[in-house]
Amino acid sequence: MSREINPFAFRMPPELRAKVEEAAKENRRSINAELVARVEETFANNPSENLDESTRILKSAERLEKVIEVLAELGQQMKKAGSAEKPKD
């Protein structure tokens, strides 16, 4: 199966190129394959999806915190009501 590959010139600082070269060597890939893998990974780990999930979790935690506050207040009210009903000897 043949795929169409479009050449793309990519300029980077020498320090970054050295890091990419080292990573490619460690991963036994060409520099091009290393760059492609890293770019593909950023799209696979879509930050906006992660942000949406983080927002959902945060909102759930905020709702849970409100429930805990209500339960704590209810517990205090029950404790006060219980102590008021106990006869003193």
C-alpha atoms as a PDB file:
ATOM      1  CA  MET A   1       0.000   0.000   0.000  1.00  0.00           C
ATOM      2  CA  SER A   2       1.431   3.342  -1.014  1.00  0.00           C
ATOM      3  CA  ARG A   3       0.862   6.531   0.932  1.00  0.00           C
ATOM      4  CA  GLU A   4       1.303  10.063  -0.136  1.00  0.00           C
ATOM      5  CA  ILE A   5       3.905  11.866   1.936  1.00  0.00           C
ATOM      6  CA  ASN A   6       4.405  15.584   1.588  1.00  0.00           C
ATOM      7  CA  PRO A   7       7.846  16.957   2.398  1.00  0.00           C
ATOM      8  CA  PHE A   8       7.836  19.672   5.034  1.00  0.00           C
ATOM      9  CA  ALA A   9      10.759  21.878   5.969  1.00  0.00           C
ATOM     10  CA  PHE A  10      11.053  22.327   9.713  1.00  0.00           C
ATOM     11  CA  ARG A  11      13.487  24.735  11.338  1.00  0.00           C
ATOM     12  CA  MET A  12      14.487  24.311  14.965  1.00  0.00           C
ATOM     13  CA  PRO A  13      17.213  25.557  17.279  1.00  0.00           C
ATOM     14  CA  PRO A  14      20.330  23.375  17.397  1.00  0.00           C
ATOM     15  CA  GLU A  15      19.696  22.463  21.060  1.00  0.00           C
ATOM     16  CA  LEU A  16      16.245  21.131  20.210  1.00  0.00           C
ATOM     17  CA  ARG A  17      17.587  19.214  17.229  1.00  0.00           C
ATOM     18  CA  ALA A  18      20.147  17.552  19.501  1.00  0.00           C
ATOM     19  CA  LYS A  19      17.359  16.482  21.876  1.00  0.00           C
ATOM     20  CA  VAL A  20      15.302  15.098  18.985  1.00  0.00           C
ATOM     21  CA  GLU A  21      18.340  13.247  17.627  1.00  0.00           C
ATOM     22  CA  GLU A  22      19.008  11.710  21.043  1.00  0.00           C
ATOM     23  CA  ALA A  23      15.356  10.689  21.478  1.00  0.00           C
ATOM     24  CA  ALA A  24      15.297   9.190  17.989  1.00  0.00           C
ATOM     25  CA  LYS A  25      18.433   7.214  18.772  1.00  0.00           C
ATOM     26  CA  GLU A  26      16.976   5.932  22.062  1.00  0.00           C
ATOM     27  CA  ASN A  27      13.729   4.953  20.323  1.00  0.00           C
ATOM     28  CA  ARG A  28      15.578   3.441  17.355  1.00  0.00           C
ATOM     29  CA  ARG A  29      13.852   5.734  14.890  1.00  0.00           C
ATOM     30  CA  SER A  30      14.906   8.231  12.294  1.00  0.00           C
ATOM     31  CA  ILE A  31      14.634  11.890  13.224  1.00  0.00           C
ATOM     32  CA  ASN A  32      11.642  12.163  10.896  1.00  0.00           C
ATOM     33  CA  ALA A  33       9.928   9.149  12.492  1.00  0.00           C
ATOM     34  CA  GLU A  34      10.577  10.604  15.965  1.00  0.00           C
ATOM     35  CA  LEU A  35       9.039  13.939  15.007  1.00  0.00           C
ATOM     36  CA  VAL A  36       6.040  12.268  13.360  1.00  0.00           C
ATOM     37  CA  ALA A  37       5.468  10.055  16.423  1.00  0.00           C
ATOM     38  CA  ARG A  38       5.620  13.035  18.767  1.00  0.00           C
ATOM     39  CA  VAL A  39       3.254  15.140  16.667  1.00  0.00           C
ATOM     40  CA  GLU A  40       0.807  12.235  16.364  1.00  0.00           C
ATOM     41  CA  GLU A  41       0.952  11.780  20.143  1.00  0.00           C
ATOM     42  CA  THR A  42      -0.058  15.397  20.738  1.00  0.00           C
ATOM     43  CA  PHE A  43      -3.146  14.912  18.591  1.00  0.00           C
ATOM     44  CA  ALA A  44      -3.974  11.595  20.268  1.00  0.00           C
ATOM     45  CA  ASN A  45      -3.776  13.311  23.669  1.00  0.00           C
ATOM     46  CA  ASN A  46      -6.064  16.171  22.707  1.00  0.00           C
ATOM     47  CA  PRO A  47      -5.581  18.844  25.387  1.00  0.00           C
ATOM     48  CA  SER A  48      -9.070  20.246  24.863  1.00  0.00           C
ATOM     49  CA  GLU A  49     -10.585  16.825  25.620  1.00  0.00           C
ATOM     50  CA  ASN A  50      -8.399  16.555  28.728  1.00  0.00           C
ATOM     51  CA  LEU A  51      -9.463  20.046  29.760  1.00  0.00           C
ATOM     52  CA  ASP A  52     -13.132  19.120  29.296  1.00  0.00           C
ATOM     53  CA  GLU A  53     -12.636  16.039  31.486  1.00  0.00           C
ATOM     54  CA  SER A  54     -10.768  18.089  34.100  1.00  0.00           C
ATOM     55  CA  THR A  55     -13.577  20.650  34.140  1.00  0.00           C
ATOM     56  CA  ARG A  56     -16.163  17.885  34.582  1.00  0.00           C
ATOM     57  CA  ILE A  57     -14.193  16.379  37.477  1.00  0.00           C
ATOM     58  CA  LEU A  58     -13.757  19.785  39.109  1.00  0.00           C
ATOM     59  CA  LYS A  59     -17.488  20.511  38.898  1.00  0.00           C
ATOM     60  CA  SER A  60     -18.252  17.084  40.394  1.00  0.00           C
ATOM     61  CA  ALA A  61     -15.818  17.776  43.230  1.00  0.00           C
ATOM     62  CA  GLU A  62     -17.464  21.142  43.882  1.00  0.00           C
ATOM     63  CA  ARG A  63     -20.907  19.490  44.049  1.00  0.00           C
ATOM     64  CA  LEU A  64     -19.542  16.818  46.379  1.00  0.00           C
ATOM     65  CA  GLU A  65     -18.050  19.499  48.603  1.00  0.00           C
ATOM     66  CA  LYS A  66     -21.491  21.171  48.875  1.00  0.00           C
ATOM     67  CA  VAL A  67     -23.105  17.840  49.793  1.00  0.00           C
ATOM     68  CA  ILE A  68     -20.483  17.296  52.503  1.00  0.00           C
ATOM     69  CA  GLU A  69     -21.159  20.773  53.914  1.00  0.00           C
ATOM     70  CA  VAL A  70     -24.906  20.092  54.018  1.00  0.00           C
ATOM     71  CA  LEU A  71     -24.350  16.723  55.691  1.00  0.00           C
ATOM     72  CA  ALA A  72     -22.026  18.274  58.276  1.00  0.00           C
ATOM     73  CA  GLU A  73     -24.614  20.956  59.059  1.00  0.00           C
ATOM     74  CA  LEU A  74     -27.344  18.339  59.315  1.00  0.00           C
ATOM     75  CA  GLY A  75     -25.174  16.302  61.673  1.00  0.00           C
ATOM     76  CA  GLN A  76     -24.649  19.342  63.910  1.00  0.00           C
ATOM     77  CA  GLN A  77     -28.389  20.031  63.962  1.00  0.00           C
ATOM     78  CA  MET A  78     -29.119  16.412  64.861  1.00  0.00           C
ATOM     79  CA  LYS A  79     -26.496  16.518  67.609  1.00  0.00           C
ATOM     80  CA  LYS A  80     -28.048  19.691  69.053  1.00  0.00           C
ATOM     81  CA  ALA A  81     -31.548  18.205  68.826  1.00  0.00           C
ATOM     82  CA  GLY A  82     -30.359  15.008  70.532  1.00  0.00           C
ATOM     83  CA  SER A  83     -28.716  16.850  73.392  1.00  0.00           C
ATOM     84  CA  ALA A  84     -31.822  18.998  73.894  1.00  0.00           C
ATOM     85  CA  GLU A  85     -34.030  15.895  74.189  1.00  0.00           C
ATOM     86  CA  LYS A  86     -31.868  14.129  76.796  1.00  0.00           C
ATOM     87  CA  PRO A  87     -33.200  14.542  80.328  1.00  0.00           C
ATOM     88  CA  LYS A  88     -30.687  15.898  82.816  1.00  0.00           C
ATOM     89  CA  ASP A  89     -30.209  13.845  85.972  1.00  0.00           C
END
